[in-house]
N, C-alpha and C. Protein backbone atom coordinates (compact mmCIF):
# COMPACT_ATOMS: atom_id res chain seq x y z
N MET A 1 0.74 -1.44 0.13
CA MET A 1 -0.27 -0.07 0.26
C MET A 1 0.63 1.14 -0.02
N THR A 2 0.77 2.32 -0.57
CA THR A 2 1.26 3.33 -0.69
C THR A 2 0.65 4.52 0.07
N SER A 3 1.69 5.12 0.93
CA SER A 3 1.54 5.88 1.56
C SER A 3 0.82 7.68 0.84
N THR A 4 -0.29 7.83 1.81
CA THR A 4 -0.62 9.21 1.23
C THR A 4 0.29 10.13 1.95
N ALA A 5 1.11 10.24 3.43
CA ALA A 5 1.65 10.72 3.89
C ALA A 5 2.64 12.02 3.05
N ARG A 6 2.47 13.32 3.27
CA ARG A 6 2.98 14.04 2.29
C ARG A 6 4.24 14.56 3.42
N GLY A 7 5.39 15.14 2.55
CA GLY A 7 6.51 15.66 3.41
C GLY A 7 6.45 17.27 3.87
N ALA A 8 6.99 17.53 4.88
CA ALA A 8 7.13 19.37 5.26
C ALA A 8 8.20 19.86 5.27
N ALA A 9 8.12 20.94 5.52
CA ALA A 9 9.49 21.68 5.88
C ALA A 9 9.05 22.46 7.24
N PHE A 10 9.61 21.94 8.22
CA PHE A 10 10.07 22.91 9.40
C PHE A 10 10.78 23.98 9.72
N SER A 11 10.59 24.61 10.02
CA SER A 11 11.90 26.24 10.40
C SER A 11 11.51 26.75 11.57
N ASP A 12 13.03 26.73 12.07
CA ASP A 12 12.96 27.87 13.17
C ASP A 12 12.94 29.25 12.35
N VAL A 13 12.81 30.17 13.45
CA VAL A 13 12.06 31.28 12.86
C VAL A 13 13.47 32.25 12.94
N ASP A 14 13.86 32.66 14.30
CA ASP A 14 14.82 33.78 14.34
C ASP A 14 16.01 33.24 14.12
N GLU A 15 16.54 34.33 13.24
CA GLU A 15 18.05 33.91 12.99
C GLU A 15 18.44 32.57 11.89
N THR A 16 17.17 32.52 11.66
CA THR A 16 17.17 30.80 10.43
C THR A 16 16.18 31.63 9.34
N LEU A 17 15.05 31.92 9.62
CA LEU A 17 14.36 32.30 8.38
C LEU A 17 14.38 34.03 8.50
N ILE A 18 14.58 34.74 9.50
CA ILE A 18 14.28 36.30 9.69
C ILE A 18 15.69 36.61 10.59
N ARG A 19 16.09 37.61 10.22
CA ARG A 19 17.23 38.18 10.53
C ARG A 19 17.90 38.64 11.87
N VAL A 20 16.65 38.58 12.93
CA VAL A 20 16.62 39.41 14.03
C VAL A 20 15.87 38.52 14.86
N LYS A 21 15.95 38.53 16.11
CA LYS A 21 15.19 38.06 17.28
C LYS A 21 14.02 38.32 17.72
N SER A 22 12.73 37.85 17.11
CA SER A 22 11.56 38.48 17.16
C SER A 22 10.92 39.07 18.26
N MET A 23 11.45 38.01 19.57
CA MET A 23 10.46 38.12 20.85
C MET A 23 11.34 39.71 21.39
N PHE A 24 12.47 40.08 21.36
CA PHE A 24 13.65 41.00 21.79
C PHE A 24 12.64 42.24 20.61
N ARG A 25 12.59 42.51 19.36
CA ARG A 25 12.48 43.72 18.86
C ARG A 25 10.80 43.78 18.52
N PHE A 26 10.19 42.46 18.91
CA PHE A 26 8.94 42.62 19.32
C PHE A 26 8.72 43.47 20.97
N LEU A 27 9.44 43.25 21.56
CA LEU A 27 9.22 43.71 23.11
C LEU A 27 9.72 45.41 23.15
N GLU A 28 10.82 45.34 22.48
CA GLU A 28 11.31 46.67 21.90
C GLU A 28 10.06 48.00 21.22
N PHE A 29 9.86 47.46 20.39
CA PHE A 29 8.72 47.91 19.63
C PHE A 29 7.45 47.86 20.53
N HIS A 30 6.63 46.91 21.18
CA HIS A 30 5.84 47.12 22.20
C HIS A 30 5.75 48.13 23.09
N LEU A 31 6.90 48.41 23.57
CA LEU A 31 7.14 48.95 24.78
C LEU A 31 7.01 50.65 24.40
N ARG A 32 7.83 50.98 22.85
CA ARG A 32 7.56 52.31 22.26
C ARG A 32 6.47 52.45 22.15
N LEU A 33 5.38 51.47 21.72
CA LEU A 33 4.16 51.93 21.53
C LEU A 33 3.43 52.64 23.05
N ARG A 34 3.59 51.94 23.92
CA ARG A 34 3.19 52.17 25.18
C ARG A 34 3.58 53.48 25.92
N GLY A 35 4.71 54.21 25.17
CA GLY A 35 5.26 55.41 25.89
C GLY A 35 6.39 55.05 26.86
N GLU A 36 6.66 53.49 26.65
CA GLU A 36 8.14 53.52 27.53
C GLU A 36 9.61 54.39 27.15
N PRO A 37 9.85 54.68 28.07
CA PRO A 37 11.21 55.38 27.48
C PRO A 37 12.43 53.73 27.47
N PRO A 38 13.39 54.15 26.62
CA PRO A 38 14.15 53.44 25.66
C PRO A 38 14.88 52.58 27.35
N ALA A 39 15.21 53.22 28.29
CA ALA A 39 15.77 52.44 29.48
C ALA A 39 14.67 51.13 29.82
N THR A 40 13.72 51.29 29.96
CA THR A 40 12.75 50.24 30.20
C THR A 40 12.79 49.27 29.32
N TYR A 41 12.95 49.23 27.90
CA TYR A 41 13.88 48.00 27.53
C TYR A 41 15.13 47.35 27.92
N GLU A 42 15.88 48.31 27.95
CA GLU A 42 17.04 47.82 28.53
C GLU A 42 17.37 47.44 29.56
N ARG A 43 16.14 47.79 30.26
CA ARG A 43 16.21 47.59 31.99
C ARG A 43 15.80 45.95 31.93
N LEU A 44 14.55 45.72 31.00
CA LEU A 44 14.23 44.20 31.18
C LEU A 44 15.00 43.14 30.48
N THR A 45 15.54 43.49 29.17
CA THR A 45 16.49 42.80 28.73
C THR A 45 17.77 42.49 28.85
N GLY A 46 18.17 43.00 29.48
CA GLY A 46 19.45 43.26 30.50
C GLY A 46 19.47 42.20 31.35
N GLU A 47 18.19 42.04 32.00
CA GLU A 47 18.03 41.11 33.11
C GLU A 47 18.16 39.80 32.18
N LEU A 48 17.46 39.44 31.69
CA LEU A 48 17.44 38.10 30.67
C LEU A 48 19.02 38.31 30.14
N ARG A 49 19.66 39.03 29.41
CA ARG A 49 21.04 38.51 29.15
C ARG A 49 21.79 38.40 30.39
N GLN A 50 22.09 38.93 31.16
CA GLN A 50 22.38 38.35 32.40
C GLN A 50 21.97 37.33 32.87
N ALA A 51 21.21 36.77 33.26
CA ALA A 51 20.44 35.21 33.39
C ALA A 51 21.24 34.42 32.17
N ALA A 52 21.44 34.88 30.99
CA ALA A 52 22.10 33.77 29.92
C ALA A 52 23.33 33.54 30.39
N LEU A 53 24.04 34.93 30.61
CA LEU A 53 25.41 34.73 31.01
C LEU A 53 25.87 33.80 32.15
N ARG A 54 24.62 33.69 33.11
CA ARG A 54 24.77 32.74 34.57
C ARG A 54 24.72 31.55 33.79
N GLY A 55 24.12 31.08 32.98
CA GLY A 55 23.96 29.72 32.63
C GLY A 55 22.85 28.80 32.64
N VAL A 56 21.88 30.36 32.83
CA VAL A 56 20.49 29.90 32.96
C VAL A 56 19.97 29.15 32.13
N PRO A 57 19.05 28.39 32.01
CA PRO A 57 18.95 27.40 30.96
C PRO A 57 17.99 28.19 30.27
N ARG A 58 17.87 28.06 28.65
CA ARG A 58 16.66 28.37 27.79
C ARG A 58 15.88 28.69 27.65
N ASP A 59 15.26 27.46 28.26
CA ASP A 59 13.51 27.53 28.58
C ASP A 59 13.26 28.36 29.81
N GLU A 60 14.00 28.48 30.42
CA GLU A 60 13.86 29.16 32.02
C GLU A 60 14.19 30.58 31.21
N ILE A 61 14.74 31.40 30.78
CA ILE A 61 14.89 32.41 30.07
C ILE A 61 13.83 32.82 29.37
N ASN A 62 13.39 32.04 28.46
CA ASN A 62 11.86 31.74 27.72
C ASN A 62 10.91 32.37 28.61
N ARG A 63 10.41 31.53 29.84
CA ARG A 63 9.45 31.34 30.64
C ARG A 63 9.71 33.02 31.45
N HIS A 64 10.89 33.34 31.37
CA HIS A 64 11.42 34.78 31.98
C HIS A 64 10.24 35.91 31.40
N TYR A 65 10.82 35.68 30.11
CA TYR A 65 10.49 36.54 29.09
C TYR A 65 8.99 36.85 29.08
N TYR A 66 8.10 35.48 28.89
CA TYR A 66 6.77 35.96 28.95
C TYR A 66 6.13 36.54 30.52
N ARG A 67 6.78 36.39 31.80
CA ARG A 67 6.56 37.13 32.61
C ARG A 67 6.68 38.67 32.79
N LEU A 68 7.06 39.20 31.57
CA LEU A 68 7.14 40.29 31.68
C LEU A 68 6.05 40.94 30.89
N LEU A 69 5.54 40.05 30.05
CA LEU A 69 3.66 40.42 29.45
C LEU A 69 2.97 40.19 30.20
N ARG A 70 3.06 39.88 31.58
CA ARG A 70 1.41 39.74 32.38
C ARG A 70 0.96 40.94 32.57
N GLY A 71 -0.46 40.23 32.61
CA GLY A 71 -1.59 41.43 32.34
C GLY A 71 -1.88 42.34 30.89
N GLU A 72 -1.21 41.52 29.98
CA GLU A 72 -1.41 42.48 28.43
C GLU A 72 -2.48 41.77 27.97
N SER A 73 -2.96 42.57 27.38
CA SER A 73 -4.27 42.04 26.46
C SER A 73 -3.76 41.62 25.30
N ALA A 74 -4.18 39.74 24.84
CA ALA A 74 -3.79 39.24 23.97
C ALA A 74 -3.84 39.73 22.74
N SER A 75 -5.25 40.24 22.79
CA SER A 75 -5.65 41.27 21.39
C SER A 75 -4.95 42.40 21.08
N ARG A 76 -4.46 43.18 21.76
CA ARG A 76 -3.70 44.08 21.61
C ARG A 76 -2.29 43.82 21.51
N LEU A 77 -1.73 42.73 21.73
CA LEU A 77 -0.59 42.33 21.37
C LEU A 77 -0.77 41.64 20.14
N ALA A 78 -1.34 41.15 19.58
CA ALA A 78 -1.66 40.71 18.03
C ALA A 78 -1.79 41.76 17.02
N ALA A 79 -2.80 42.98 17.73
CA ALA A 79 -2.39 43.70 16.75
C ALA A 79 -0.97 44.65 16.66
N ALA A 80 -0.09 44.81 17.71
CA ALA A 80 1.26 45.55 17.81
C ALA A 80 2.14 44.24 16.99
N GLY A 81 1.89 43.06 17.02
CA GLY A 81 2.91 42.35 16.26
C GLY A 81 2.28 42.51 14.80
N ARG A 82 1.22 42.84 14.19
CA ARG A 82 1.40 42.85 12.93
C ARG A 82 1.55 44.52 12.43
N ARG A 83 2.03 45.65 13.61
CA ARG A 83 2.15 46.83 13.28
C ARG A 83 3.96 46.23 13.57
N TRP A 84 4.50 45.57 14.34
CA TRP A 84 5.66 45.48 14.31
C TRP A 84 6.50 44.61 13.27
N PHE A 85 5.40 44.06 12.22
CA PHE A 85 5.92 43.31 11.41
C PHE A 85 6.43 44.11 10.24
N ALA A 86 4.91 45.12 9.97
CA ALA A 86 5.15 46.25 9.04
C ALA A 86 6.64 47.30 8.85
N ALA A 87 6.86 47.14 10.16
CA ALA A 87 8.09 48.31 10.58
C ALA A 87 9.35 47.54 10.12
N GLU A 88 9.28 46.50 10.85
CA GLU A 88 10.73 45.65 10.75
C GLU A 88 10.70 45.55 8.99
N TRP A 89 9.89 45.31 8.30
CA TRP A 89 10.00 45.40 7.06
C TRP A 89 10.85 46.44 6.33
N GLU A 90 10.18 47.68 6.86
CA GLU A 90 10.63 48.89 6.45
C GLU A 90 11.91 49.44 7.02
N GLU A 91 12.24 48.65 8.17
CA GLU A 91 13.73 49.09 8.66
C GLU A 91 14.65 47.87 7.99
N GLN A 92 14.32 46.80 7.87
CA GLN A 92 15.42 45.89 7.63
C GLN A 92 15.77 46.12 5.71
N LYS A 93 16.46 46.82 5.58
CA LYS A 93 16.98 47.59 4.23
C LYS A 93 16.92 46.04 3.18
N ASP A 94 17.74 45.15 3.48
CA ASP A 94 18.09 43.95 2.81
C ASP A 94 17.04 43.07 2.82
N GLY A 95 16.16 43.13 3.70
CA GLY A 95 14.86 42.59 3.82
C GLY A 95 14.88 41.52 4.71
N LEU A 96 13.67 41.10 5.50
CA LEU A 96 13.59 40.65 7.07
C LEU A 96 14.22 38.89 7.01
N TYR A 97 13.75 38.79 5.32
CA TYR A 97 13.85 37.11 5.57
C TYR A 97 15.53 37.20 5.23
N LEU A 98 16.02 35.98 5.20
CA LEU A 98 17.41 35.50 5.14
C LEU A 98 17.40 34.74 3.72
N PRO A 99 17.57 35.12 2.50
CA PRO A 99 17.49 34.86 1.24
C PRO A 99 17.43 33.19 0.88
N ASP A 100 18.43 32.70 1.18
CA ASP A 100 18.88 31.47 0.96
C ASP A 100 17.54 30.53 1.49
N VAL A 101 17.15 30.67 3.18
CA VAL A 101 16.32 29.93 3.64
C VAL A 101 14.69 29.99 3.08
N GLU A 102 14.63 31.37 2.70
CA GLU A 102 13.35 31.65 2.15
C GLU A 102 13.07 31.32 1.01
N GLU A 103 14.26 31.19 -0.25
CA GLU A 103 13.94 30.62 -1.33
C GLU A 103 13.80 29.10 -0.89
N ALA A 104 14.66 28.13 -0.35
CA ALA A 104 14.20 26.89 0.13
C ALA A 104 12.77 26.80 0.51
N LEU A 105 12.47 27.52 1.84
CA LEU A 105 11.15 26.85 1.34
C LEU A 105 10.01 27.80 0.85
N LEU A 106 10.05 28.69 0.38
CA LEU A 106 9.44 28.61 -0.79
C LEU A 106 9.26 27.44 -1.84
N ALA A 107 10.42 27.18 -2.17
CA ALA A 107 10.24 25.81 -2.97
C ALA A 107 9.88 24.50 -2.35
N HIS A 108 10.01 24.59 -1.09
CA HIS A 108 8.99 23.36 -0.36
C HIS A 108 7.69 23.85 -0.75
N ARG A 109 6.87 24.62 -0.15
CA ARG A 109 5.87 24.59 -0.21
C ARG A 109 5.43 24.82 -1.76
N LYS A 110 6.16 25.47 -2.45
CA LYS A 110 5.45 25.32 -4.37
C LYS A 110 5.25 24.07 -4.34
N GLY A 111 6.40 23.20 -4.05
CA GLY A 111 6.40 21.64 -4.54
C GLY A 111 5.29 20.93 -3.86
N GLY A 112 4.49 21.40 -3.02
CA GLY A 112 2.93 20.68 -2.07
C GLY A 112 3.33 20.19 -0.82
N ARG A 113 4.79 20.64 -0.14
CA ARG A 113 5.08 20.39 1.10
C ARG A 113 4.90 21.54 2.14
N ALA A 114 4.32 20.92 3.42
CA ALA A 114 3.38 21.93 4.14
C ALA A 114 5.09 22.85 4.97
N LEU A 115 4.43 23.74 4.99
CA LEU A 115 5.55 24.67 5.76
C LEU A 115 5.10 24.97 7.35
N ILE A 116 5.92 24.53 8.05
CA ILE A 116 5.40 24.77 9.67
C ILE A 116 6.56 25.56 10.17
N LEU A 117 6.30 26.24 10.85
CA LEU A 117 7.32 26.91 11.72
C LEU A 117 7.34 26.39 13.00
N VAL A 118 8.34 26.16 13.60
CA VAL A 118 8.91 25.67 14.89
C VAL A 118 9.81 27.10 15.80
N SER A 119 9.20 27.85 16.66
CA SER A 119 9.79 28.41 17.34
C SER A 119 9.78 28.96 18.99
N GLY A 120 10.33 29.45 19.71
CA GLY A 120 10.14 29.81 21.04
C GLY A 120 9.69 31.11 20.94
N SER A 121 9.10 31.95 20.00
CA SER A 121 8.69 32.76 20.50
C SER A 121 7.01 32.26 20.33
N PHE A 122 6.44 33.72 20.38
CA PHE A 122 4.64 33.74 20.56
C PHE A 122 4.23 34.10 19.27
N PHE A 123 2.16 34.25 19.81
CA PHE A 123 1.42 34.64 18.47
C PHE A 123 2.03 36.38 17.94
N ALA A 124 2.12 36.98 18.72
CA ALA A 124 2.22 38.14 18.31
C ALA A 124 3.26 38.42 17.08
N PRO A 125 4.38 38.39 17.25
CA PRO A 125 5.47 38.80 16.07
C PRO A 125 5.34 37.49 14.92
N LEU A 126 4.89 36.12 15.30
CA LEU A 126 5.22 34.68 14.54
C LEU A 126 3.92 34.86 13.34
N ASP A 127 2.72 35.30 13.84
CA ASP A 127 1.68 35.34 13.12
C ASP A 127 1.74 35.66 11.83
N PRO A 128 1.73 37.32 11.76
CA PRO A 128 2.46 38.09 10.64
C PRO A 128 3.37 37.46 9.58
N ILE A 129 4.44 36.98 10.44
CA ILE A 129 5.36 35.92 9.68
C ILE A 129 4.75 34.79 8.97
N ALA A 130 4.14 34.03 9.41
CA ALA A 130 3.68 32.84 9.28
C ALA A 130 2.53 33.22 7.73
N ALA A 131 1.76 34.45 8.24
CA ALA A 131 0.93 34.33 6.98
C ALA A 131 1.38 35.05 5.79
N ASP A 132 2.39 35.45 6.09
CA ASP A 132 3.34 36.17 4.56
C ASP A 132 3.76 35.04 4.10
N ILE A 133 4.45 34.24 5.00
CA ILE A 133 5.66 33.25 4.24
C ILE A 133 4.48 32.14 3.28
N GLY A 134 3.21 32.17 4.02
CA GLY A 134 2.39 30.94 3.67
C GLY A 134 2.36 29.55 4.92
N ALA A 135 3.34 29.60 5.69
CA ALA A 135 2.95 28.56 6.79
C ALA A 135 1.69 28.06 6.81
N GLU A 136 1.40 26.49 7.29
CA GLU A 136 0.51 25.94 7.28
C GLU A 136 -0.04 25.99 9.08
N ALA A 137 1.28 26.06 9.86
CA ALA A 137 0.75 26.03 11.06
C ALA A 137 2.28 26.50 11.24
N VAL A 138 1.79 27.04 12.80
CA VAL A 138 3.20 27.43 13.84
C VAL A 138 3.46 26.53 14.67
N LEU A 139 4.46 25.90 15.27
CA LEU A 139 4.37 25.79 17.03
C LEU A 139 5.49 26.56 17.45
N ALA A 140 4.66 27.21 18.46
CA ALA A 140 5.75 28.04 19.24
C ALA A 140 5.23 28.10 20.80
N THR A 141 5.71 28.88 21.59
CA THR A 141 5.52 29.43 22.96
C THR A 141 4.15 29.75 22.88
N ARG A 142 3.48 29.04 23.69
CA ARG A 142 1.98 29.38 24.06
C ARG A 142 1.74 29.64 25.56
N PRO A 143 1.97 31.22 25.67
CA PRO A 143 1.25 31.70 26.63
C PRO A 143 -0.17 31.25 27.40
N VAL A 144 -0.13 31.75 28.37
CA VAL A 144 -1.58 31.31 29.00
C VAL A 144 -2.01 32.31 28.94
N ILE A 145 -3.65 32.26 28.39
CA ILE A 145 -4.78 33.58 28.46
C ILE A 145 -5.75 33.48 29.15
N ARG A 146 -6.36 34.29 30.29
CA ARG A 146 -7.49 34.40 30.91
C ARG A 146 -8.05 35.64 31.08
N ARG A 147 -9.20 35.49 30.53
CA ARG A 147 -10.18 36.78 30.47
C ARG A 147 -9.17 37.56 29.65
N GLY A 148 -8.69 37.14 28.34
CA GLY A 148 -7.82 38.19 27.59
C GLY A 148 -6.93 38.41 27.89
N GLU A 149 -6.21 38.14 28.64
CA GLU A 149 -4.94 38.92 29.17
C GLU A 149 -4.19 37.44 29.42
N LEU A 150 -2.92 37.84 28.78
CA LEU A 150 -1.59 36.85 29.34
C LEU A 150 -1.61 36.68 30.87
N THR A 151 -1.34 35.71 31.88
CA THR A 151 -1.25 35.25 33.02
C THR A 151 0.27 35.59 33.64
N GLY A 152 1.37 35.64 32.33
CA GLY A 152 3.06 35.51 32.33
C GLY A 152 3.47 34.29 32.50
N GLU A 153 2.48 32.79 32.53
CA GLU A 153 2.83 31.71 32.22
C GLU A 153 2.84 31.21 31.11
N VAL A 154 3.42 30.23 30.42
CA VAL A 154 3.24 29.09 29.07
C VAL A 154 3.05 28.16 29.67
N LEU A 155 2.78 27.03 28.90
CA LEU A 155 2.07 25.82 28.81
C LEU A 155 3.66 25.11 28.83
N ALA A 156 4.25 25.56 27.49
CA ALA A 156 5.72 24.89 27.93
C ALA A 156 6.46 25.72 26.59
N PRO A 157 7.69 25.99 27.08
CA PRO A 157 8.57 26.80 25.95
C PRO A 157 8.65 26.12 25.15
N MET A 158 8.81 26.48 23.75
CA MET A 158 8.93 25.54 22.45
C MET A 158 10.46 25.70 22.47
N ILE A 159 11.45 25.45 23.48
CA ILE A 159 12.90 25.12 22.96
C ILE A 159 13.13 24.13 23.19
N GLY A 160 14.90 23.55 22.79
CA GLY A 160 15.35 22.31 22.98
C GLY A 160 14.73 21.08 22.26
N GLU A 161 14.45 20.26 23.21
CA GLU A 161 13.96 19.24 23.52
C GLU A 161 12.53 19.34 22.81
N THR A 162 11.80 20.19 23.21
CA THR A 162 10.47 20.31 22.94
C THR A 162 10.11 20.26 21.58
N LYS A 163 11.10 21.03 20.98
CA LYS A 163 10.89 21.26 19.48
C LYS A 163 10.82 20.08 18.53
N GLY A 164 11.74 18.93 19.27
CA GLY A 164 11.38 17.53 18.54
C GLY A 164 10.18 16.82 18.73
N ARG A 165 9.68 16.96 20.32
CA ARG A 165 8.62 16.25 20.95
C ARG A 165 7.45 16.56 19.66
N ALA A 166 7.30 18.08 19.40
CA ALA A 166 6.36 18.72 18.82
C ALA A 166 6.28 18.29 17.21
N VAL A 167 7.29 18.21 16.83
CA VAL A 167 7.49 17.79 15.48
C VAL A 167 6.97 16.48 15.31
N ARG A 168 7.53 15.73 16.41
CA ARG A 168 7.17 14.15 16.07
C ARG A 168 5.77 13.69 16.17
N LEU A 169 5.09 14.79 17.16
CA LEU A 169 3.51 15.11 17.54
C LEU A 169 2.53 15.35 16.57
N ALA A 170 3.25 16.13 16.06
CA ALA A 170 2.52 16.95 14.85
C ALA A 170 2.42 16.10 13.75
N ALA A 171 2.98 15.66 13.11
CA ALA A 171 3.34 14.22 11.85
C ALA A 171 2.30 13.69 11.49
N PRO A 172 1.86 12.71 12.95
CA PRO A 172 0.62 12.00 12.61
C PRO A 172 -0.51 12.59 12.50
N ILE A 173 -0.91 13.80 13.24
CA ILE A 173 -2.03 14.24 13.29
C ILE A 173 -2.08 14.95 11.86
N ALA A 174 -0.78 15.50 11.20
CA ALA A 174 -1.01 16.27 10.08
C ALA A 174 -1.09 15.14 8.86
N GLY A 175 -0.82 13.94 9.42
CA GLY A 175 -0.25 13.11 8.29
C GLY A 175 0.82 13.59 7.52
N LEU A 176 1.78 13.81 7.99
CA LEU A 176 3.18 13.80 7.37
C LEU A 176 4.10 12.69 7.71
N ASP A 177 5.25 12.80 6.85
CA ASP A 177 6.03 11.68 6.67
C ASP A 177 7.13 12.69 6.91
N LEU A 178 7.47 12.34 8.16
CA LEU A 178 9.18 12.90 8.84
C LEU A 178 10.18 12.53 7.80
N ALA A 179 10.38 11.28 7.22
CA ALA A 179 11.18 11.00 6.86
C ALA A 179 11.58 11.73 5.29
N ALA A 180 10.45 12.00 4.95
CA ALA A 180 10.41 12.99 3.62
C ALA A 180 10.38 14.08 3.90
N SER A 181 10.73 14.63 4.99
CA SER A 181 10.46 16.35 5.36
C SER A 181 11.95 16.81 5.85
N TRP A 182 12.03 18.03 5.47
CA TRP A 182 13.03 18.60 5.78
C TRP A 182 13.11 19.78 7.29
N ALA A 183 14.12 19.67 8.25
CA ALA A 183 14.04 21.09 9.35
C ALA A 183 15.25 22.27 9.01
N TYR A 184 14.83 23.21 9.31
CA TYR A 184 16.06 24.15 9.04
C TYR A 184 15.96 24.69 10.59
N GLY A 185 17.09 24.93 11.05
CA GLY A 185 17.70 25.66 12.32
C GLY A 185 18.97 25.78 12.61
N ASP A 186 19.31 27.22 13.35
CA ASP A 186 20.48 27.52 13.05
C ASP A 186 21.20 27.87 14.56
N HIS A 187 20.70 27.18 15.44
CA HIS A 187 21.06 27.19 17.09
C HIS A 187 21.40 25.45 17.53
N SER A 188 21.89 25.02 18.28
CA SER A 188 22.50 23.34 18.94
C SER A 188 20.72 23.36 19.58
N SER A 189 20.23 24.42 19.78
CA SER A 189 18.78 23.88 20.71
C SER A 189 17.87 23.46 19.66
N ASP A 190 17.91 23.51 18.31
CA ASP A 190 17.08 22.94 17.07
C ASP A 190 17.60 21.60 16.77
N LEU A 191 18.58 21.14 17.56
CA LEU A 191 19.53 19.70 17.28
C LEU A 191 17.83 18.90 17.32
N SER A 192 17.15 19.05 18.52
CA SER A 192 16.22 17.61 18.40
C SER A 192 15.27 17.55 17.07
N MET A 193 14.87 18.80 16.79
CA MET A 193 13.71 19.56 15.44
C MET A 193 14.58 18.51 14.21
N LEU A 194 15.96 18.71 13.75
CA LEU A 194 16.51 18.76 12.97
C LEU A 194 16.69 16.92 12.91
N ARG A 195 17.30 16.60 13.95
CA ARG A 195 17.25 15.12 14.12
C ARG A 195 16.03 14.04 14.06
N ALA A 196 15.06 15.14 13.69
CA ALA A 196 13.39 14.16 13.61
C ALA A 196 12.96 14.02 12.26
N VAL A 197 13.73 14.75 11.56
CA VAL A 197 13.33 14.31 10.13
C VAL A 197 14.69 13.50 9.29
N GLY A 198 14.16 13.48 8.02
CA GLY A 198 14.83 12.84 7.29
C GLY A 198 16.11 13.50 6.33
N HIS A 199 15.90 15.08 6.04
CA HIS A 199 16.73 16.41 5.45
C HIS A 199 17.11 17.40 6.41
N PRO A 200 17.69 16.94 7.49
CA PRO A 200 18.16 18.40 8.29
C PRO A 200 18.84 19.07 7.24
N VAL A 201 19.29 20.44 7.72
CA VAL A 201 19.35 21.78 7.04
C VAL A 201 20.15 22.58 8.14
N VAL A 202 21.29 22.74 8.06
CA VAL A 202 21.90 23.69 9.23
C VAL A 202 22.30 24.74 8.36
N VAL A 203 21.54 25.97 9.51
CA VAL A 203 22.03 27.33 8.96
C VAL A 203 22.91 28.41 9.81
N GLY A 204 23.70 28.73 8.66
CA GLY A 204 24.76 29.81 9.74
C GLY A 204 26.19 28.59 10.29
N ASP A 205 26.55 29.53 11.10
CA ASP A 205 27.82 28.27 11.55
C ASP A 205 27.99 28.18 12.96
N ASP A 206 26.57 27.92 13.71
CA ASP A 206 26.88 27.42 15.27
C ASP A 206 27.91 26.19 15.26
N PRO A 207 28.48 26.07 16.00
CA PRO A 207 29.89 25.16 16.00
C PRO A 207 29.06 23.75 16.43
N GLU A 208 28.33 23.55 17.37
CA GLU A 208 27.72 22.10 17.19
C GLU A 208 27.08 21.67 16.10
N LEU A 209 26.37 22.72 15.68
CA LEU A 209 25.51 22.11 14.41
C LEU A 209 26.42 21.91 13.34
N ALA A 210 27.20 23.04 13.45
CA ALA A 210 28.35 22.31 12.16
C ALA A 210 29.07 21.03 12.41
N PHE A 211 29.07 20.53 13.28
CA PHE A 211 29.90 19.30 13.71
C PHE A 211 29.03 18.56 13.41
N HIS A 212 27.61 18.54 13.58
CA HIS A 212 26.90 17.06 13.29
C HIS A 212 26.46 17.12 11.74
N ALA A 213 26.82 18.72 11.25
CA ALA A 213 26.30 18.72 9.84
C ALA A 213 27.68 17.82 8.87
N THR A 214 28.91 18.32 9.75
CA THR A 214 29.98 17.29 9.08
C THR A 214 29.88 15.86 9.21
N THR A 215 29.85 15.52 10.39
CA THR A 215 29.90 14.02 10.75
C THR A 215 29.17 13.30 9.87
N ALA A 216 27.56 14.19 10.09
CA ALA A 216 26.38 13.18 9.55
C ALA A 216 25.86 13.54 7.80
N GLY A 217 26.91 14.51 7.18
CA GLY A 217 26.30 14.73 5.61
C GLY A 217 25.22 15.58 5.86
N TRP A 218 24.76 16.46 6.74
CA TRP A 218 23.55 17.06 6.59
C TRP A 218 24.15 18.46 5.41
N ALA A 219 23.06 18.95 5.28
CA ALA A 219 23.11 20.09 4.26
C ALA A 219 23.33 21.31 5.24
N ARG A 220 23.97 22.23 4.32
CA ARG A 220 24.12 23.66 5.00
C ARG A 220 23.66 24.51 4.55
N LEU A 221 22.85 25.84 4.88
CA LEU A 221 22.88 27.25 4.19
C LEU A 221 23.63 28.24 5.27
N THR A 222 23.94 29.28 4.28
CA THR A 222 24.88 30.20 4.79
C THR A 222 23.51 31.18 5.68
N ALA A 223 23.89 31.78 6.69
CA ALA A 223 22.75 32.67 7.15
C ALA A 223 22.78 34.11 6.88
N GLY A 224 24.04 34.61 6.38
CA GLY A 224 24.05 35.97 5.92
C GLY A 224 24.37 36.77 7.49
N PRO A 225 24.05 38.12 6.96
CA PRO A 225 24.01 39.08 8.54
C PRO A 225 22.83 38.95 8.91
N VAL A 226 22.94 38.88 10.09
CA VAL A 226 21.90 39.18 11.35
C VAL A 226 22.12 40.52 11.93
N ARG A 227 20.57 40.70 12.50
CA ARG A 227 20.64 41.78 13.65
C ARG A 227 20.49 41.50 14.68
N ARG A 228 21.39 41.29 16.16
CA ARG A 228 20.72 41.02 17.36
C ARG A 228 20.42 42.22 17.82
């Protein structure tokens, strides 16, 4: 019997598909919309960077980020996300997307494969990206929302091993053949997602991913200039 499952292209977003870190760029934009001074953004993100320097795991830093959004209206964040996306296009003179990855993903979509974004970011910046690139689904960190507002908690950070589990769980539900699928990632935290598919693609020059690409014969793409 011939399988009817089709392949997919799973892609990380920040510094894989887009040149920037969407969570931080969106937060800066959102605070500016609220009338906060630049020092507010620097203080909040400084706390996250200090945590990273202390070796705090990435999933805990991810949780900390969403605590900064406690009490925010989900609908207002979504609207701010659309405005952020439009503003980002204006600011990124070389384009928001990394060309080699954009070209590859659009080719997958044209070939009938499902395009699925996988990210530790959340709906506000991700939804307009997904709509623009033509993604069928987004596997992302899901903030807990009660009475229309973010509680500051999340169900599970879409970081590290969670990415691989999400891909493996999504495949049978969506009728996808992981052996015939591709995945794109730029950081060692994408490793579990890359291992879940038959065609992993390393984007950029992360040392750990470069090692796996060399030893396992994985494909590689250049990241080009990114904005921190």
